[in-house]
Amino acid sequence: MHANWAVVEAGSGELAGRVSLKDIALPAGRAGAAYWTVPRLAAGLSHRARSPL
């Protein structure tokens, strides 16, 4: 099972990246995390995007 979320810039709504959970194993409570960011918007964004995880 996989889950994906778009990451958008709060002010403009511009696409800034994606956060994914991969190989979700609910019974074990495990998943891999992956993300990408638009280079010019990346400063600090990847940390904020995955901090709720």
PDB file of N, CA and C in Angstrom:
ATOM      1  N   MET A   1       0.852  -1.165   0.000  1.00  0.00           N
ATOM      2  CA  MET A   1       0.000   0.000   0.000  1.00  0.00           C
ATOM      3  C   MET A   1       0.902   1.233   0.000  1.00  0.00           C
ATOM      4  N   HIS A   2       0.491   2.270  -0.731  1.00  0.00           N
ATOM      5  CA  HIS A   2       1.225   3.532  -0.813  1.00  0.00           C
ATOM      6  C   HIS A   2       0.239   4.679  -0.619  1.00  0.00           C
ATOM      7  N   ALA A   3       0.732   5.814  -0.147  1.00  0.00           N
ATOM      8  CA  ALA A   3      -0.081   7.022  -0.010  1.00  0.00           C
ATOM      9  C   ALA A   3       0.773   8.207  -0.448  1.00  0.00           C
ATOM     10  N   ASN A   4       0.189   9.148  -1.178  1.00  0.00           N
ATOM     11  CA  ASN A   4       0.911  10.308  -1.701  1.00  0.00           C
ATOM     12  C   ASN A   4       0.136  11.582  -1.406  1.00  0.00           C
ATOM     13  N   TRP A   5       0.892  12.652  -1.119  1.00  0.00           N
ATOM     14  CA  TRP A   5       0.299  13.967  -0.888  1.00  0.00           C
ATOM     15  C   TRP A   5       1.072  14.998  -1.669  1.00  0.00           C
ATOM     16  N   ALA A   6       0.355  15.931  -2.246  1.00  0.00           N
ATOM     17  CA  ALA A   6       1.000  17.080  -2.889  1.00  0.00           C
ATOM     18  C   ALA A   6       1.372  18.072  -1.795  1.00  0.00           C
ATOM     19  N   VAL A   7       2.482  18.761  -1.981  1.00  0.00           N
ATOM     20  CA  VAL A   7       2.897  19.839  -1.079  1.00  0.00           C
ATOM     21  C   VAL A   7       2.793  21.118  -1.888  1.00  0.00           C
ATOM     22  N   VAL A   8       2.043  22.075  -1.377  1.00  0.00           N
ATOM     23  CA  VAL A   8       1.847  23.341  -2.090  1.00  0.00           C
ATOM     24  C   VAL A   8       2.319  24.499  -1.227  1.00  0.00           C
ATOM     25  N   GLU A   9       2.740  25.544  -1.874  1.00  0.00           N
ATOM     26  CA  GLU A   9       3.147  26.768  -1.205  1.00  0.00           C
ATOM     27  C   GLU A   9       1.892  27.406  -0.615  1.00  0.00           C
ATOM     28  N   ALA A  10       1.918  27.735   0.665  1.00  0.00           N
ATOM     29  CA  ALA A  10       0.724  28.225   1.364  1.00  0.00           C
ATOM     30  C   ALA A  10       0.134  29.482   0.737  1.00  0.00           C
ATOM     31  N   GLY A  11       0.965  30.428   0.369  1.00  0.00           N
ATOM     32  CA  GLY A  11       0.454  31.693  -0.155  1.00  0.00           C
ATOM     33  C   GLY A  11      -0.099  31.606  -1.556  1.00  0.00           C
ATOM     34  N   SER A  12       0.608  30.879  -2.436  1.00  0.00           N
ATOM     35  CA  SER A  12       0.242  30.880  -3.851  1.00  0.00           C
ATOM     36  C   SER A  12      -0.507  29.631  -4.305  1.00  0.00           C
ATOM     37  N   GLY A  13      -0.402  28.552  -3.536  1.00  0.00           N
ATOM     38  CA  GLY A  13      -0.991  27.291  -3.964  1.00  0.00           C
ATOM     39  C   GLY A  13      -0.161  26.584  -5.024  1.00  0.00           C
ATOM     40  N   GLU A  14       1.029  27.115  -5.316  1.00  0.00           N
ATOM     41  CA  GLU A  14       1.909  26.535  -6.334  1.00  0.00           C
ATOM     42  C   GLU A  14       2.455  25.182  -5.856  1.00  0.00           C
ATOM     43  N   LEU A  15       2.493  24.204  -6.760  1.00  0.00           N
ATOM     44  CA  LEU A  15       3.044  22.895  -6.430  1.00  0.00           C
ATOM     45  C   LEU A  15       4.501  23.054  -6.025  1.00  0.00           C
ATOM     46  N   ALA A  16       4.842  22.514  -4.845  1.00  0.00           N
ATOM     47  CA  ALA A  16       6.199  22.644  -4.328  1.00  0.00           C
ATOM     48  C   ALA A  16       6.872  21.296  -4.146  1.00  0.00           C
ATOM     49  N   GLY A  17       6.104  20.203  -4.224  1.00  0.00           N
ATOM     50  CA  GLY A  17       6.706  18.888  -4.064  1.00  0.00           C
ATOM     51  C   GLY A  17       5.680  17.813  -3.783  1.00  0.00           C
ATOM     52  N   ARG A  18       6.199  16.682  -3.277  1.00  0.00           N
ATOM     53  CA  ARG A  18       5.340  15.539  -2.964  1.00  0.00           C
ATOM     54  C   ARG A  18       5.942  14.802  -1.769  1.00  0.00           C
ATOM     55  N   VAL A  19       5.079  14.272  -0.930  1.00  0.00           N
ATOM     56  CA  VAL A  19       5.468  13.413   0.189  1.00  0.00           C
ATOM     57  C   VAL A  19       4.746  12.092  -0.009  1.00  0.00           C
ATOM     58  N   SER A  20       5.463  10.974   0.183  1.00  0.00           N
ATOM     59  CA  SER A  20       4.871   9.648  -0.012  1.00  0.00           C
ATOM     60  C   SER A  20       5.188   8.737   1.163  1.00  0.00           C
ATOM     61  N   LEU A  21       4.244   7.879   1.484  1.00  0.00           N
ATOM     62  CA  LEU A  21       4.501   6.742   2.354  1.00  0.00           C
ATOM     63  C   LEU A  21       4.460   5.524   1.460  1.00  0.00           C
ATOM     64  N   LYS A  22       5.492   4.698   1.529  1.00  0.00           N
ATOM     65  CA  LYS A  22       5.611   3.532   0.654  1.00  0.00           C
ATOM     66  C   LYS A  22       5.672   2.269   1.496  1.00  0.00           C
ATOM     67  N   ASP A  23       5.213   1.183   0.926  1.00  0.00           N
ATOM     68  CA  ASP A  23       5.258  -0.121   1.599  1.00  0.00           C
ATOM     69  C   ASP A  23       4.681  -0.038   3.007  1.00  0.00           C
ATOM     70  N   ILE A  24       3.490   0.530   3.112  1.00  0.00           N
ATOM     71  CA  ILE A  24       2.835   0.693   4.408  1.00  0.00           C
ATOM     72  C   ILE A  24       2.457  -0.681   4.952  1.00  0.00           C
ATOM     73  N   ALA A  25       2.905  -0.962   6.156  1.00  0.00           N
ATOM     74  CA  ALA A  25       2.584  -2.218   6.847  1.00  0.00           C
ATOM     75  C   ALA A  25       1.803  -1.855   8.109  1.00  0.00           C
ATOM     76  N   LEU A  26       0.489  -1.770   7.986  1.00  0.00           N
ATOM     77  CA  LEU A  26      -0.339  -1.350   9.114  1.00  0.00           C
ATOM     78  C   LEU A  26      -0.168  -2.230  10.354  1.00  0.00           C
ATOM     79  N   PRO A  27      -0.192  -3.558  10.233  1.00  0.00           N
ATOM     80  CA  PRO A  27      -0.057  -4.382  11.445  1.00  0.00           C
ATOM     81  C   PRO A  27       1.270  -4.142  12.190  1.00  0.00           C
ATOM     82  N   ALA A  28       2.321  -3.862  11.446  1.00  0.00           N
ATOM     83  CA  ALA A  28       3.631  -3.630  12.062  1.00  0.00           C
ATOM     84  C   ALA A  28       3.848  -2.156  12.423  1.00  0.00           C
ATOM     85  N   GLY A  29       2.982  -1.279  11.941  1.00  0.00           N
ATOM     86  CA  GLY A  29       3.137   0.149  12.197  1.00  0.00           C
ATOM     87  C   GLY A  29       4.348   0.749  11.504  1.00  0.00           C
ATOM     88  N   ARG A  30       4.650   0.274  10.287  1.00  0.00           N
ATOM     89  CA  ARG A  30       5.841   0.724   9.559  1.00  0.00           C
ATOM     90  C   ARG A  30       5.491   1.219   8.165  1.00  0.00           C
ATOM     91  N   ALA A  31       6.330   2.127   7.679  1.00  0.00           N
ATOM     92  CA  ALA A  31       6.235   2.595   6.290  1.00  0.00           C
ATOM     93  C   ALA A  31       7.527   3.306   5.946  1.00  0.00           C
ATOM     94  N   GLY A  32       7.875   3.289   4.674  1.00  0.00           N
ATOM     95  CA  GLY A  32       8.995   4.085   4.198  1.00  0.00           C
ATOM     96  C   GLY A  32       8.476   5.458   3.808  1.00  0.00           C
ATOM     97  N   ALA A  33       9.328   6.460   3.904  1.00  0.00           N
ATOM     98  CA  ALA A  33       8.929   7.816   3.527  1.00  0.00           C
ATOM     99  C   ALA A  33       9.828   8.293   2.388  1.00  0.00           C
ATOM    100  N   ALA A  34       9.240   9.013   1.451  1.00  0.00           N
ATOM    101  CA  ALA A  34       9.983   9.589   0.336  1.00  0.00           C
ATOM    102  C   ALA A  34       9.389  10.960   0.038  1.00  0.00           C
ATOM    103  N   TYR A  35      10.214  11.833  -0.511  1.00  0.00           N
ATOM    104  CA  TYR A  35       9.707  13.153  -0.882  1.00  0.00           C
ATOM    105  C   TYR A  35      10.572  13.758  -1.970  1.00  0.00           C
ATOM    106  N   TRP A  36      10.020  14.725  -2.673  1.00  0.00           N
ATOM    107  CA  TRP A  36      10.789  15.554  -3.593  1.00  0.00           C
ATOM    108  C   TRP A  36      10.259  16.965  -3.474  1.00  0.00           C
ATOM    109  N   THR A  37      11.115  17.921  -3.776  1.00  0.00           N
ATOM    110  CA  THR A  37      10.716  19.321  -3.731  1.00  0.00           C
ATOM    111  C   THR A  37      11.205  20.032  -4.977  1.00  0.00           C
ATOM    112  N   VAL A  38      10.505  21.069  -5.357  1.00  0.00           N
ATOM    113  CA  VAL A  38      10.940  21.941  -6.446  1.00  0.00           C
ATOM    114  C   VAL A  38      12.179  22.674  -5.925  1.00  0.00           C
ATOM    115  N   PRO A  39      13.303  22.600  -6.634  1.00  0.00           N
ATOM    116  CA  PRO A  39      14.558  23.149  -6.111  1.00  0.00           C
ATOM    117  C   PRO A  39      14.482  24.584  -5.582  1.00  0.00           C
ATOM    118  N   ARG A  40      13.822  25.461  -6.279  1.00  0.00           N
ATOM    119  CA  ARG A  40      13.814  26.857  -5.827  1.00  0.00           C
ATOM    120  C   ARG A  40      12.954  27.082  -4.589  1.00  0.00           C
ATOM    121  N   LEU A  41      12.100  26.118  -4.256  1.00  0.00           N
ATOM    122  CA  LEU A  41      11.246  26.234  -3.066  1.00  0.00           C
ATOM    123  C   LEU A  41      11.703  25.316  -1.939  1.00  0.00           C
ATOM    124  N   ALA A  42      12.806  24.611  -2.127  1.00  0.00           N
ATOM    125  CA  ALA A  42      13.200  23.534  -1.225  1.00  0.00           C
ATOM    126  C   ALA A  42      13.712  23.984   0.141  1.00  0.00           C
ATOM    127  N   ALA A  43      14.224  25.176   0.274  1.00  0.00           N
ATOM    128  CA  ALA A  43      14.843  25.602   1.530  1.00  0.00           C
ATOM    129  C   ALA A  43      13.854  25.489   2.692  1.00  0.00           C
ATOM    130  N   GLY A  44      14.071  24.501   3.563  1.00  0.00           N
ATOM    131  CA  GLY A  44      13.229  24.299   4.731  1.00  0.00           C
ATOM    132  C   GLY A  44      11.918  23.591   4.454  1.00  0.00           C
ATOM    133  N   LEU A  45      11.533  23.491   3.200  1.00  0.00           N
ATOM    134  CA  LEU A  45      10.235  22.913   2.864  1.00  0.00           C
ATOM    135  C   LEU A  45      10.173  21.422   3.144  1.00  0.00           C
ATOM    136  N   SER A  46      11.219  20.675   2.805  1.00  0.00           N
ATOM    137  CA  SER A  46      11.168  19.233   3.004  1.00  0.00           C
ATOM    138  C   SER A  46      11.041  18.890   4.477  1.00  0.00           C
ATOM    139  N   HIS A  47      11.675  19.655   5.346  1.00  0.00           N
ATOM    140  CA  HIS A  47      11.539  19.406   6.784  1.00  0.00           C
ATOM    141  C   HIS A  47      10.105  19.661   7.238  1.00  0.00           C
ATOM    142  N   ARG A  48       9.520  20.777   6.809  1.00  0.00           N
ATOM    143  CA  ARG A  48       8.140  21.088   7.201  1.00  0.00           C
ATOM    144  C   ARG A  48       7.168  20.068   6.632  1.00  0.00           C
ATOM    145  N   ALA A  49       7.440  19.558   5.427  1.00  0.00           N
ATOM    146  CA  ALA A  49       6.527  18.611   4.778  1.00  0.00           C
ATOM    147  C   ALA A  49       6.493  17.265   5.492  1.00  0.00           C
ATOM    148  N   ARG A  50       7.607  16.829   6.053  1.00  0.00           N
ATOM    149  CA  ARG A  50       7.616  15.516   6.697  1.00  0.00           C
ATOM    150  C   ARG A  50       7.526  15.596   8.211  1.00  0.00           C
ATOM    151  N   SER A  51       7.544  16.787   8.799  1.00  0.00           N
ATOM    152  CA  SER A  51       7.511  16.900  10.255  1.00  0.00           C
ATOM    153  C   SER A  51       6.258  16.290  10.884  1.00  0.00           C
ATOM    154  N   PRO A  52       5.075  16.333  10.221  1.00  0.00           N
ATOM    155  CA  PRO A  52       3.906  15.661  10.835  1.00  0.00           C
ATOM    156  C   PRO A  52       4.060  14.147  10.898  1.00  0.00           C
ATOM    157  N   LEU A  53       4.957  13.568  10.100  1.00  0.00           N
ATOM    158  CA  LEU A  53       5.137  12.133  10.099  1.00  0.00           C
ATOM    159  C   LEU A  53       5.829  11.732  11.362  1.00  0.00           C
TER     160      LEU A  53
END
